C-alpha atoms as a PDB file:
ATOM      1  CA  MET A   1     109.393  94.892 103.704  1.00  0.00           C
ATOM      2  CA  LYS A   2     111.756  97.822 104.270  1.00  0.00           C
ATOM      3  CA  TYR A   3     111.303 101.383 103.064  1.00  0.00           C
ATOM      4  CA  LEU A   4     114.417 102.866 101.473  1.00  0.00           C
ATOM      5  CA  SER A   5     115.284 106.504 100.958  1.00  0.00           C
ATOM      6  CA  VAL A   6     116.496 107.755  97.593  1.00  0.00           C
ATOM      7  CA  GLN A   7     120.060 107.668  98.910  1.00  0.00           C
ATOM      8  CA  GLU A   8     119.724 104.122 100.277  1.00  0.00           C
ATOM      9  CA  THR A   9     118.209 102.977  96.986  1.00  0.00           C
ATOM     10  CA  ALA A  10     121.079 104.515  95.046  1.00  0.00           C
ATOM     11  CA  ALA A  11     123.591 102.765  97.295  1.00  0.00           C
ATOM     12  CA  HIS A  12     121.746  99.455  96.895  1.00  0.00           C
ATOM     13  CA  LEU A  13     121.861  99.701  93.102  1.00  0.00           C
ATOM     14  CA  THR A  14     125.473 100.874  93.057  1.00  0.00           C
ATOM     15  CA  ALA A  15     126.586  97.923  95.171  1.00  0.00           C
ATOM     16  CA  CYS A  16     125.060  95.248  92.943  1.00  0.00           C
ATOM     17  CA  GLU A  17     126.905  93.727  89.992  1.00  0.00           C
ATOM     18  CA  SER A  18     123.891  92.660  87.938  1.00  0.00           C
ATOM     19  CA  ALA A  19     120.178  93.414  87.870  1.00  0.00           C
ATOM     20  CA  GLU A  20     117.007  92.251  86.199  1.00  0.00           C
ATOM     21  CA  ILE A  21     114.529  95.106  85.752  1.00  0.00           C
ATOM     22  CA  LEU A  22     110.840  94.190  85.669  1.00  0.00           C
ATOM     23  CA  ILE A  23     108.175  96.449  84.164  1.00  0.00           C
ATOM     24  CA  HIS A  24     104.414  95.902  84.042  1.00  0.00           C
ATOM     25  CA  ARG A  25     102.424  94.227  81.284  1.00  0.00           C
ATOM     26  CA  SER A  26     100.781  96.485  78.673  1.00  0.00           C
ATOM     27  CA  PRO A  27     103.856  98.702  79.071  1.00  0.00           C
ATOM     28  CA  ASP A  28     103.477 102.470  78.868  1.00  0.00           C
ATOM     29  CA  GLY A  29     105.924 105.330  78.452  1.00  0.00           C
ATOM     30  CA  ASP A  30     106.693 105.649  82.158  1.00  0.00           C
ATOM     31  CA  CYS A  31     107.533 102.022  82.940  1.00  0.00           C
ATOM     32  CA  ILE A  32     109.481 101.640  79.679  1.00  0.00           C
ATOM     33  CA  GLY A  33     111.326 104.930  80.089  1.00  0.00           C
ATOM     34  CA  SER A  34     112.131 104.283  83.738  1.00  0.00           C
ATOM     35  CA  GLY A  35     113.163 100.672  83.122  1.00  0.00           C
ATOM     36  CA  TYR A  36     115.546 101.490  80.294  1.00  0.00           C
ATOM     37  CA  ALA A  37     116.917 104.610  82.000  1.00  0.00           C
ATOM     38  CA  LEU A  38     117.944 102.357  84.901  1.00  0.00           C
ATOM     39  CA  LEU A  39     119.373  99.796  82.464  1.00  0.00           C
ATOM     40  CA  TYR A  40     121.552 102.438  80.772  1.00  0.00           C
ATOM     41  CA  ALA A  41     122.716 103.762  84.138  1.00  0.00           C
ATOM     42  CA  LEU A  42     123.725 100.337  85.446  1.00  0.00           C
ATOM     43  CA  ARG A  43     125.517  99.434  82.224  1.00  0.00           C
ATOM     44  CA  GLN A  44     127.344 102.751  82.365  1.00  0.00           C
ATOM     45  CA  MET A  45     128.813 101.592  85.688  1.00  0.00           C
ATOM     46  CA  GLY A  46     129.958  98.338  84.103  1.00  0.00           C
ATOM     47  CA  LYS A  47     127.147  96.242  85.541  1.00  0.00           C
ATOM     48  CA  LYS A  48     125.001  93.673  83.750  1.00  0.00           C
ATOM     49  CA  ALA A  49     121.359  94.599  83.312  1.00  0.00           C
ATOM     50  CA  ARG A  50     118.305  93.624  81.296  1.00  0.00           C
ATOM     51  CA  VAL A  51     114.659  94.718  81.149  1.00  0.00           C
ATOM     52  CA  VAL A  52     111.963  92.044  81.282  1.00  0.00           C
ATOM     53  CA  CYS A  53     108.322  92.577  80.288  1.00  0.00           C
ATOM     54  CA  HIS A  54     105.411  90.179  79.809  1.00  0.00           C
ATOM     55  CA  ASP A  55     104.319  91.962  76.617  1.00  0.00           C
ATOM     56  CA  PRO A  56     106.248  93.277  73.598  1.00  0.00           C
ATOM     57  CA  ILE A  57     107.367  96.905  73.733  1.00  0.00           C
ATOM     58  CA  PRO A  58     105.091  98.921  71.394  1.00  0.00           C
ATOM     59  CA  GLU A  59     106.880 100.242  68.316  1.00  0.00           C
ATOM     60  CA  ARG A  60     106.303 103.893  69.227  1.00  0.00           C
ATOM     61  CA  TYR A  61     108.672 103.399  72.192  1.00  0.00           C
ATOM     62  CA  HIS A  62     111.445 101.600  70.324  1.00  0.00           C
ATOM     63  CA  PHE A  63     113.537 104.779  70.170  1.00  0.00           C
ATOM     64  CA  MET A  64     114.320 104.245  73.878  1.00  0.00           C
ATOM     65  CA  LEU A  65     115.625 100.697  73.411  1.00  0.00           C
ATOM     66  CA  PRO A  66     119.339  99.943  72.937  1.00  0.00           C
ATOM     67  CA  GLU A  67     120.389  99.899  69.291  1.00  0.00           C
ATOM     68  CA  VAL A  68     121.916  96.471  69.857  1.00  0.00           C
ATOM     69  CA  GLN A  69     119.881  94.098  71.997  1.00  0.00           C
ATOM     70  CA  THR A  70     122.339  91.832  73.803  1.00  0.00           C
ATOM     71  CA  LEU A  71     121.357  88.274  74.635  1.00  0.00           C
ATOM     72  CA  GLU A  72     123.936  87.943  77.387  1.00  0.00           C
ATOM     73  CA  LEU A  73     122.954  85.317  79.938  1.00  0.00           C
ATOM     74  CA  PHE A  74     123.565  86.008  83.614  1.00  0.00           C
ATOM     75  CA  HIS A  75     122.014  85.228  86.969  1.00  0.00           C
ATOM     76  CA  PRO A  76     120.884  88.588  88.399  1.00  0.00           C
ATOM     77  CA  GLU A  77     122.138  89.591  91.797  1.00  0.00           C
ATOM     78  CA  LEU A  78     119.242  92.017  92.183  1.00  0.00           C
ATOM     79  CA  ILE A  79     115.668  91.860  90.870  1.00  0.00           C
ATOM     80  CA  VAL A  80     114.137  95.336  90.578  1.00  0.00           C
ATOM     81  CA  ALA A  81     110.543  96.239  89.716  1.00  0.00           C
ATOM     82  CA  VAL A  82     109.996  99.740  88.333  1.00  0.00           C
ATOM     83  CA  ASP A  83     106.573 101.446  88.181  1.00  0.00           C
ATOM     84  CA  VAL A  84     104.858  98.223  89.304  1.00  0.00           C
ATOM     85  CA  ALA A  85     102.360  98.865  92.101  1.00  0.00           C
ATOM     86  CA  ASP A  86     101.325  95.223  92.466  1.00  0.00           C
ATOM     87  CA  GLU A  87     102.969  91.937  91.476  1.00  0.00           C
ATOM     88  CA  LYS A  88      99.791  91.010  89.586  1.00  0.00           C
ATOM     89  CA  LEU A  89     100.570  93.776  87.077  1.00  0.00           C
ATOM     90  CA  LEU A  90     103.596  91.824  85.861  1.00  0.00           C
ATOM     91  CA  GLY A  91     101.342  89.414  83.954  1.00  0.00           C
ATOM     92  CA  ASP A  92     100.598  85.789  84.709  1.00  0.00           C
ATOM     93  CA  GLY A  93     103.826  84.306  83.369  1.00  0.00           C
ATOM     94  CA  LEU A  94     106.142  86.693  85.187  1.00  0.00           C
ATOM     95  CA  LEU A  95     103.997  86.639  88.315  1.00  0.00           C
ATOM     96  CA  GLU A  96     104.534  82.908  88.666  1.00  0.00           C
ATOM     97  CA  GLN A  97     108.257  83.299  88.048  1.00  0.00           C
ATOM     98  CA  TYR A  98     108.979  86.259  90.332  1.00  0.00           C
ATOM     99  CA  THR A  99     106.485  86.126  93.221  1.00  0.00           C
ATOM    100  CA  GLY A 100     108.397  86.500  96.474  1.00  0.00           C
ATOM    101  CA  LYS A 101     111.702  87.068  94.647  1.00  0.00           C
ATOM    102  CA  ILE A 102     111.671  90.818  93.978  1.00  0.00           C
ATOM    103  CA  ASP A 103     114.391  92.572  95.962  1.00  0.00           C
ATOM    104  CA  LEU A 104     113.575  96.212  95.250  1.00  0.00           C
ATOM    105  CA  CYS A 105     110.659  98.238  93.914  1.00  0.00           C
ATOM    106  CA  ILE A 106     110.923 101.846  92.719  1.00  0.00           C
ATOM    107  CA  ASP A 107     107.459 103.337  92.410  1.00  0.00           C
ATOM    108  CA  HIS A 108     105.160 106.349  92.713  1.00  0.00           C
ATOM    109  CA  HIS A 109     101.773 104.654  93.245  1.00  0.00           C
ATOM    110  CA  ILE A 110     100.182 105.274  96.639  1.00  0.00           C
ATOM    111  CA  SER A 111      98.428 101.914  96.225  1.00  0.00           C
ATOM    112  CA  ASN A 112     101.715  99.962  96.150  1.00  0.00           C
ATOM    113  CA  THR A 113     101.114  96.617  97.846  1.00  0.00           C
ATOM    114  CA  GLU A 114     104.611  96.453  99.414  1.00  0.00           C
ATOM    115  CA  TYR A 115     105.369  93.116  97.774  1.00  0.00           C
ATOM    116  CA  ALA A 116     109.123  93.688  97.360  1.00  0.00           C
ATOM    117  CA  GLU A 117     111.751  93.141 100.020  1.00  0.00           C
ATOM    118  CA  ALA A 118     112.617  96.849  99.831  1.00  0.00           C
ATOM    119  CA  LEU A 119     110.575  99.780  98.515  1.00  0.00           C
ATOM    120  CA  CYS A 120     111.545 103.246  97.337  1.00  0.00           C
ATOM    121  CA  LEU A 121     108.197 105.025  97.078  1.00  0.00           C
ATOM    122  CA  ASP A 122     107.287 108.651  96.478  1.00  0.00           C
ATOM    123  CA  GLY A 123     103.519 108.873  96.258  1.00  0.00           C
ATOM    124  CA  GLN A 124     103.743 112.589  95.449  1.00  0.00           C
ATOM    125  CA  ALA A 125     105.868 112.045  92.328  1.00  0.00           C
ATOM    126  CA  ALA A 126     104.106 112.464  88.995  1.00  0.00           C
ATOM    127  CA  ALA A 127     105.851 109.436  87.472  1.00  0.00           C
ATOM    128  CA  ALA A 128     108.238 106.638  88.316  1.00  0.00           C
ATOM    129  CA  ALA A 129     110.694 108.513  86.106  1.00  0.00           C
ATOM    130  CA  GLN A 130     110.626 111.366  88.606  1.00  0.00           C
ATOM    131  CA  VAL A 131     111.555 108.998  91.446  1.00  0.00           C
ATOM    132  CA  LEU A 132     114.250 107.349  89.357  1.00  0.00           C
ATOM    133  CA  TYR A 133     115.760 110.713  88.387  1.00  0.00           C
ATOM    134  CA  ALA A 134     116.287 111.455  92.087  1.00  0.00           C
ATOM    135  CA  VAL A 135     117.884 108.024  92.564  1.00  0.00           C
ATOM    136  CA  LEU A 136     120.212 108.409  89.577  1.00  0.00           C
ATOM    137  CA  LYS A 137     121.360 111.812  90.834  1.00  0.00           C
ATOM    138  CA  GLU A 138     122.699 110.003  93.910  1.00  0.00           C
ATOM    139  CA  MET A 139     124.585 107.413  91.836  1.00  0.00           C
ATOM    140  CA  PRO A 140     127.999 107.767  90.154  1.00  0.00           C
ATOM    141  CA  VAL A 141     126.458 108.045  86.688  1.00  0.00           C
ATOM    142  CA  THR A 142     126.068 110.719  84.036  1.00  0.00           C
ATOM    143  CA  ILE A 143     122.600 111.513  82.699  1.00  0.00           C
ATOM    144  CA  THR A 144     123.418 110.664  79.096  1.00  0.00           C
ATOM    145  CA  LYS A 145     121.292 111.481  76.062  1.00  0.00           C
ATOM    146  CA  GLU A 146     119.787 107.958  76.149  1.00  0.00           C
ATOM    147  CA  ILE A 147     118.890 108.218  79.831  1.00  0.00           C
ATOM    148  CA  ALA A 148     117.520 111.735  79.380  1.00  0.00           C
ATOM    149  CA  ALA A 149     115.234 110.703  76.510  1.00  0.00           C
ATOM    150  CA  CYS A 150     113.880 107.816  78.587  1.00  0.00           C
ATOM    151  CA  LEU A 151     113.250 109.957  81.664  1.00  0.00           C
ATOM    152  CA  TYR A 152     111.610 112.752  79.679  1.00  0.00           C
ATOM    153  CA  THR A 153     109.293 110.280  77.957  1.00  0.00           C
ATOM    154  CA  GLY A 154     108.315 108.790  81.311  1.00  0.00           C
ATOM    155  CA  LEU A 155     107.539 112.221  82.738  1.00  0.00           C
ATOM    156  CA  ALA A 156     105.626 113.404  79.663  1.00  0.00           C
ATOM    157  CA  THR A 157     103.472 110.311  79.211  1.00  0.00           C
ATOM    158  CA  ASP A 158     102.427 109.978  82.861  1.00  0.00           C
ATOM    159  CA  THR A 159     101.464 113.659  83.069  1.00  0.00           C
ATOM    160  CA  GLY A 160      99.564 113.979  79.783  1.00  0.00           C
ATOM    161  CA  CYS A 161     102.378 116.159  78.429  1.00  0.00           C
ATOM    162  CA  PHE A 162     102.500 118.036  81.770  1.00  0.00           C
ATOM    163  CA  MET A 163      98.752 118.753  81.691  1.00  0.00           C
ATOM    164  CA  TYR A 164      97.521 116.651  84.645  1.00  0.00           C
ATOM    165  CA  ASP A 165      97.374 117.971  88.186  1.00  0.00           C
ATOM    166  CA  ASN A 166      99.948 115.408  89.341  1.00  0.00           C
ATOM    167  CA  VAL A 167     102.538 117.831  87.928  1.00  0.00           C
ATOM    168  CA  SER A 168     104.479 119.670  90.629  1.00  0.00           C
ATOM    169  CA  PRO A 169     107.151 122.370  90.426  1.00  0.00           C
ATOM    170  CA  ARG A 170     109.708 119.576  90.951  1.00  0.00           C
ATOM    171  CA  THR A 171     108.336 117.669  87.931  1.00  0.00           C
ATOM    172  CA  LEU A 172     108.789 120.724  85.727  1.00  0.00           C
ATOM    173  CA  ARG A 173     112.260 121.448  87.142  1.00  0.00           C
ATOM    174  CA  ILE A 174     113.387 117.917  86.295  1.00  0.00           C
ATOM    175  CA  ALA A 175     112.070 118.256  82.749  1.00  0.00           C
ATOM    176  CA  ALA A 176     113.844 121.611  82.451  1.00  0.00           C
ATOM    177  CA  GLU A 177     117.103 120.175  83.801  1.00  0.00           C
ATOM    178  CA  ILE A 178     116.940 117.331  81.297  1.00  0.00           C
ATOM    179  CA  MET A 179     116.264 119.718  78.414  1.00  0.00           C
ATOM    180  CA  GLU A 180     119.076 122.034  79.482  1.00  0.00           C
ATOM    181  CA  GLN A 181     121.571 119.173  79.667  1.00  0.00           C
ATOM    182  CA  HIS A 182     120.500 117.683  76.317  1.00  0.00           C
ATOM    183  CA  PRO A 183     118.971 120.362  74.078  1.00  0.00           C
ATOM    184  CA  ASP A 184     119.567 118.180  70.998  1.00  0.00           C
ATOM    185  CA  ILE A 185     116.924 115.599  71.957  1.00  0.00           C
ATOM    186  CA  PRO A 186     113.845 116.097  69.726  1.00  0.00           C
ATOM    187  CA  TYR A 187     111.414 116.787  72.565  1.00  0.00           C
ATOM    188  CA  ALA A 188     108.725 118.230  70.296  1.00  0.00           C
ATOM    189  CA  GLN A 189     108.885 115.110  68.119  1.00  0.00           C
ATOM    190  CA  ILE A 190     108.598 112.869  71.180  1.00  0.00           C
ATOM    191  CA  ASN A 191     105.514 114.819  72.286  1.00  0.00           C
ATOM    192  CA  ARG A 192     104.019 114.629  68.815  1.00  0.00           C
ATOM    193  CA  ASN A 193     104.551 110.861  68.595  1.00  0.00           C
ATOM    194  CA  MET A 194     103.223 110.269  72.106  1.00  0.00           C
ATOM    195  CA  PHE A 195     100.148 112.515  72.011  1.00  0.00           C
ATOM    196  CA  ILE A 196      99.199 113.504  68.469  1.00  0.00           C
ATOM    197  CA  VAL A 197     100.167 110.925  65.831  1.00  0.00           C
ATOM    198  CA  LYS A 198      97.612 108.115  65.457  1.00  0.00           C
ATOM    199  CA  SER A 199      97.123 105.243  63.061  1.00  0.00           C
ATOM    200  CA  MET A 200      94.110 105.321  60.747  1.00  0.00           C
ATOM    201  CA  GLY A 201      92.660 102.483  62.788  1.00  0.00           C
ATOM    202  CA  ARG A 202      92.976 104.580  65.946  1.00  0.00           C
ATOM    203  CA  ILE A 203      91.348 107.604  64.280  1.00  0.00           C
ATOM    204  CA  ARG A 204      88.444 105.396  63.227  1.00  0.00           C
ATOM    205  CA  LEU A 205      88.344 104.078  66.795  1.00  0.00           C
ATOM    206  CA  ASP A 206      88.030 107.623  68.162  1.00  0.00           C
ATOM    207  CA  GLN A 207      85.061 108.161  65.872  1.00  0.00           C
ATOM    208  CA  LEU A 208      83.537 104.932  67.082  1.00  0.00           C
ATOM    209  CA  LEU A 209      84.239 105.704  70.749  1.00  0.00           C
ATOM    210  CA  ALA A 210      82.295 108.952  70.520  1.00  0.00           C
ATOM    211  CA  GLY A 211      79.255 106.971  69.411  1.00  0.00           C
ATOM    212  CA  GLN A 212      79.744 104.289  72.071  1.00  0.00           C
ATOM    213  CA  LEU A 213      79.882 106.524  75.134  1.00  0.00           C
ATOM    214  CA  GLU A 214      77.478 105.240  77.765  1.00  0.00           C
ATOM    215  CA  SER A 215      76.200 107.608  80.432  1.00  0.00           C
ATOM    216  CA  ALA A 216      75.434 106.579  84.023  1.00  0.00           C
ATOM    217  CA  LEU A 217      74.720 108.142  87.398  1.00  0.00           C
ATOM    218  CA  ASP A 218      72.888 111.151  85.948  1.00  0.00           C
ATOM    219  CA  GLY A 219      75.697 111.916  83.547  1.00  0.00           C
ATOM    220  CA  GLN A 220      78.414 112.018  86.197  1.00  0.00           C
ATOM    221  CA  CYS A 221      79.944 108.739  84.979  1.00  0.00           C
ATOM    222  CA  MET A 222      80.781 107.981  81.351  1.00  0.00           C
ATOM    223  CA  LEU A 223      81.878 104.537  80.181  1.00  0.00           C
ATOM    224  CA  ILE A 224      83.379 102.999  77.039  1.00  0.00           C
ATOM    225  CA  CYS A 225      83.788  99.261  76.415  1.00  0.00           C
ATOM    226  CA  VAL A 226      86.333  98.030  73.853  1.00  0.00           C
ATOM    227  CA  THR A 227      85.758  94.335  73.140  1.00  0.00           C
ATOM    228  CA  ARG A 228      88.032  91.884  71.330  1.00  0.00           C
ATOM    229  CA  SER A 229      85.563  91.714  68.443  1.00  0.00           C
ATOM    230  CA  LEU A 230      85.709  95.494  68.085  1.00  0.00           C
ATOM    231  CA  MET A 231      89.508  95.434  67.981  1.00  0.00           C
ATOM    232  CA  GLU A 232      89.476  92.707  65.352  1.00  0.00           C
ATOM    233  CA  GLU A 233      86.913  94.571  63.255  1.00  0.00           C
ATOM    234  CA  TYR A 234      89.041  97.710  63.162  1.00  0.00           C
ATOM    235  CA  GLY A 235      92.434  95.977  63.008  1.00  0.00           C
ATOM    236  CA  LEU A 236      93.654  97.424  66.297  1.00  0.00           C
ATOM    237  CA  ASP A 237      96.349  96.118  68.612  1.00  0.00           C
ATOM    238  CA  GLU A 238      96.894  96.837  72.294  1.00  0.00           C
ATOM    239  CA  SER A 239      99.395  99.643  71.668  1.00  0.00           C
ATOM    240  CA  GLU A 240      96.821 101.674  69.725  1.00  0.00           C
ATOM    241  CA  LEU A 241      94.489 101.674  72.717  1.00  0.00           C
ATOM    242  CA  GLU A 242      96.999 103.445  74.909  1.00  0.00           C
ATOM    243  CA  GLY A 243      95.900 106.945  75.798  1.00  0.00           C
ATOM    244  CA  ILE A 244      92.143 106.487  75.481  1.00  0.00           C
ATOM    245  CA  ALA A 245      91.578 106.360  79.250  1.00  0.00           C
ATOM    246  CA  GLY A 246      90.889 110.085  79.396  1.00  0.00           C
ATOM    247  CA  PHE A 247      88.465 110.088  76.464  1.00  0.00           C
ATOM    248  CA  PRO A 248      85.238 109.874  78.549  1.00  0.00           C
ATOM    249  CA  LEU A 249      86.309 112.873  80.660  1.00  0.00           C
ATOM    250  CA  GLN A 250      86.066 115.101  77.595  1.00  0.00           C
ATOM    251  CA  VAL A 251      82.292 115.138  78.068  1.00  0.00           C
ATOM    252  CA  GLU A 252      81.111 118.174  80.021  1.00  0.00           C
ATOM    253  CA  GLY A 253      79.846 117.410  83.521  1.00  0.00           C
ATOM    254  CA  VAL A 254      81.497 113.986  83.815  1.00  0.00           C
ATOM    255  CA  GLN A 255      83.258 113.285  87.117  1.00  0.00           C
ATOM    256  CA  VAL A 256      84.400 109.689  86.479  1.00  0.00           C
ATOM    257  CA  GLY A 257      85.445 108.206  83.152  1.00  0.00           C
ATOM    258  CA  ILE A 258      85.801 104.451  82.653  1.00  0.00           C
ATOM    259  CA  VAL A 259      87.416 102.584  79.773  1.00  0.00           C
ATOM    260  CA  MET A 260      87.079  98.789  79.670  1.00  0.00           C
ATOM    261  CA  LYS A 261      89.453  96.853  77.399  1.00  0.00           C
ATOM    262  CA  GLU A 262      88.842  93.149  76.873  1.00  0.00           C
ATOM    263  CA  ARG A 263      92.288  91.541  77.194  1.00  0.00           C
ATOM    264  CA  GLU A 264      90.858  88.067  76.570  1.00  0.00           C
ATOM    265  CA  LYS A 265      87.341  86.691  76.476  1.00  0.00           C
ATOM    266  CA  GLY A 266      85.551  87.685  79.669  1.00  0.00           C
ATOM    267  CA  VAL A 267      88.557  89.525  81.186  1.00  0.00           C
ATOM    268  CA  PHE A 268      88.427  93.334  81.159  1.00  0.00           C
ATOM    269  CA  LYS A 269      91.291  95.641  81.998  1.00  0.00           C
ATOM    270  CA  VAL A 270      89.711  98.773  83.447  1.00  0.00           C
ATOM    271  CA  SER A 271      91.128 102.302  83.439  1.00  0.00           C
ATOM    272  CA  MET A 272      89.316 104.811  85.627  1.00  0.00           C
ATOM    273  CA  ARG A 273      89.880 108.570  85.646  1.00  0.00           C
ATOM    274  CA  SER A 274      88.576 111.347  87.890  1.00  0.00           C
ATOM    275  CA  ALA A 275      87.908 114.882  86.691  1.00  0.00           C
ATOM    276  CA  ASP A 276      87.941 116.498  90.119  1.00  0.00           C
ATOM    277  CA  TRP A 277      86.855 115.303  93.547  1.00  0.00           C
ATOM    278  CA  VAL A 278      86.282 111.540  93.196  1.00  0.00           C
ATOM    279  CA  ASN A 279      89.038 109.228  94.499  1.00  0.00           C
ATOM    280  CA  VAL A 280      89.161 106.523  91.812  1.00  0.00           C
ATOM    281  CA  SER A 281      92.091 104.797  93.512  1.00  0.00           C
ATOM    282  CA  ALA A 282      89.853 104.012  96.495  1.00  0.00           C
ATOM    283  CA  ILE A 283      87.125 102.777  94.145  1.00  0.00           C
ATOM    284  CA  CYS A 284      89.500 100.504  92.235  1.00  0.00           C
ATOM    285  CA  GLN A 285      90.960  99.153  95.471  1.00  0.00           C
ATOM    286  CA  THR A 286      87.517  97.796  96.358  1.00  0.00           C
ATOM    287  CA  LEU A 287      87.736  95.842  93.087  1.00  0.00           C
ATOM    288  CA  GLY A 288      91.238  94.481  93.670  1.00  0.00           C
ATOM    289  CA  GLY A 289      93.088  97.251  91.858  1.00  0.00           C
ATOM    290  CA  GLY A 290      94.457 100.669  92.714  1.00  0.00           C
ATOM    291  CA  GLY A 291      96.561 103.528  91.479  1.00  0.00           C
ATOM    292  CA  HIS A 292      96.432 107.284  91.942  1.00  0.00           C
ATOM    293  CA  ILE A 293      93.617 109.423  93.320  1.00  0.00           C
ATOM    294  CA  LYS A 294      92.658 110.614  89.838  1.00  0.00           C
ATOM    295  CA  ALA A 295      93.993 107.743  87.700  1.00  0.00           C
ATOM    296  CA  ALA A 296      93.581 104.109  88.687  1.00  0.00           C
ATOM    297  CA  GLY A 297      92.691 100.702  87.332  1.00  0.00           C
ATOM    298  CA  CYS A 298      91.593  97.160  88.032  1.00  0.00           C
ATOM    299  CA  THR A 299      90.605  93.919  86.290  1.00  0.00           C
ATOM    300  CA  ILE A 300      87.021  92.625  86.097  1.00  0.00           C
ATOM    301  CA  ASN A 301      86.007  89.128  85.011  1.00  0.00           C
ATOM    302  CA  GLY A 302      82.653  88.365  83.418  1.00  0.00           C
ATOM    303  CA  SER A 303      80.565  89.497  80.498  1.00  0.00           C
ATOM    304  CA  ALA A 304      80.700  93.104  79.342  1.00  0.00           C
ATOM    305  CA  GLU A 305      77.297  93.865  80.865  1.00  0.00           C
ATOM    306  CA  GLU A 306      78.227  92.237  84.185  1.00  0.00           C
ATOM    307  CA  ALA A 307      81.487  94.191  84.293  1.00  0.00           C
ATOM    308  CA  LYS A 308      79.676  97.459  83.571  1.00  0.00           C
ATOM    309  CA  ARG A 309      77.194  96.813  86.368  1.00  0.00           C
ATOM    310  CA  ILE A 310      79.979  96.047  88.857  1.00  0.00           C
ATOM    311  CA  LEU A 311      81.929  99.167  87.894  1.00  0.00           C
ATOM    312  CA  ILE A 312      79.006 101.573  87.952  1.00  0.00           C
ATOM    313  CA  ASP A 313      77.877 100.212  91.319  1.00  0.00           C
ATOM    314  CA  ALA A 314      81.409 100.688  92.722  1.00  0.00           C
ATOM    315  CA  VAL A 315      81.582 104.244  91.381  1.00  0.00           C
ATOM    316  CA  ALA A 316      78.193 105.086  92.865  1.00  0.00           C
ATOM    317  CA  LYS A 317      79.315 103.847  96.305  1.00  0.00           C
ATOM    318  CA  GLY A 318      82.631 105.685  95.973  1.00  0.00           C
ATOM    319  CA  MET A 319      80.945 108.951  95.048  1.00  0.00           C
ATOM    320  CA  ALA A 320      78.511 108.591  97.953  1.00  0.00           C
ATOM    321  CA  LYS A 321      81.434 108.319 100.398  1.00  0.00           C
ATOM    322  CA  ALA A 322      83.309 111.315  98.973  1.00  0.00           C
END
């Protein structure tokens, strides 16, 4: 594995004639925005490019997709993963197809497992979109309205609309530069759709979540478990669960919030958030996952009660070491 600078990454992408862009399963605003921003940039240079994801792109993000989805077949010269810290996050089908074949990874997760042949990593960046913006500025491309909307969405969604402490002066400068270049993009509407608008099912879920909060470790850890049966009862799909990871941290005095989502029977996708001093990335790494210091995740197999026990035990050990 070779580390690449922003300039080397830009040169690598500029030299290729075609690229396949991989984003992680359960796609969020950052991986989608970054993936399609790169797609638009490569196509602008006359190169062939496509984005590949294990799961469908949620409807709320469709405004970033090309108006006409081309089905052009080509054998990619370069396989690029964007915002993917670990190959396992691609999803089982893509993992089997692409293991050992990824040429370049562009990422901002300090827990990146260095699976690609080359890695452009900025662990201080608030989002993959922030890293990609720096790369695109070194390439012979124009930041068009389509690219700008994608990058802004990536920045906004991975920073909680610029509320989290991963936001740096550079993050805000990039957002400002994008807004100055393209003042006609409906930024307020993007923010509203990303952070405020909810389906009736999701509003009912929020009501239910408040009643399902489980306290542990003398109130310092708060946990919510969303099972498949619960999703079926309330008519929810995966996209409506996005954004609930921070819900447990709304409780006063909580240091670690955990949300467990049952992807399939006995398999829980876990999102862990830290309010202040606890390193949840280190905790999740002990469980085969990772992420950022204050926002990380992992996957736990077993019954809901078994998964809860494993998670609370890991948090207790992590807090004791802090």
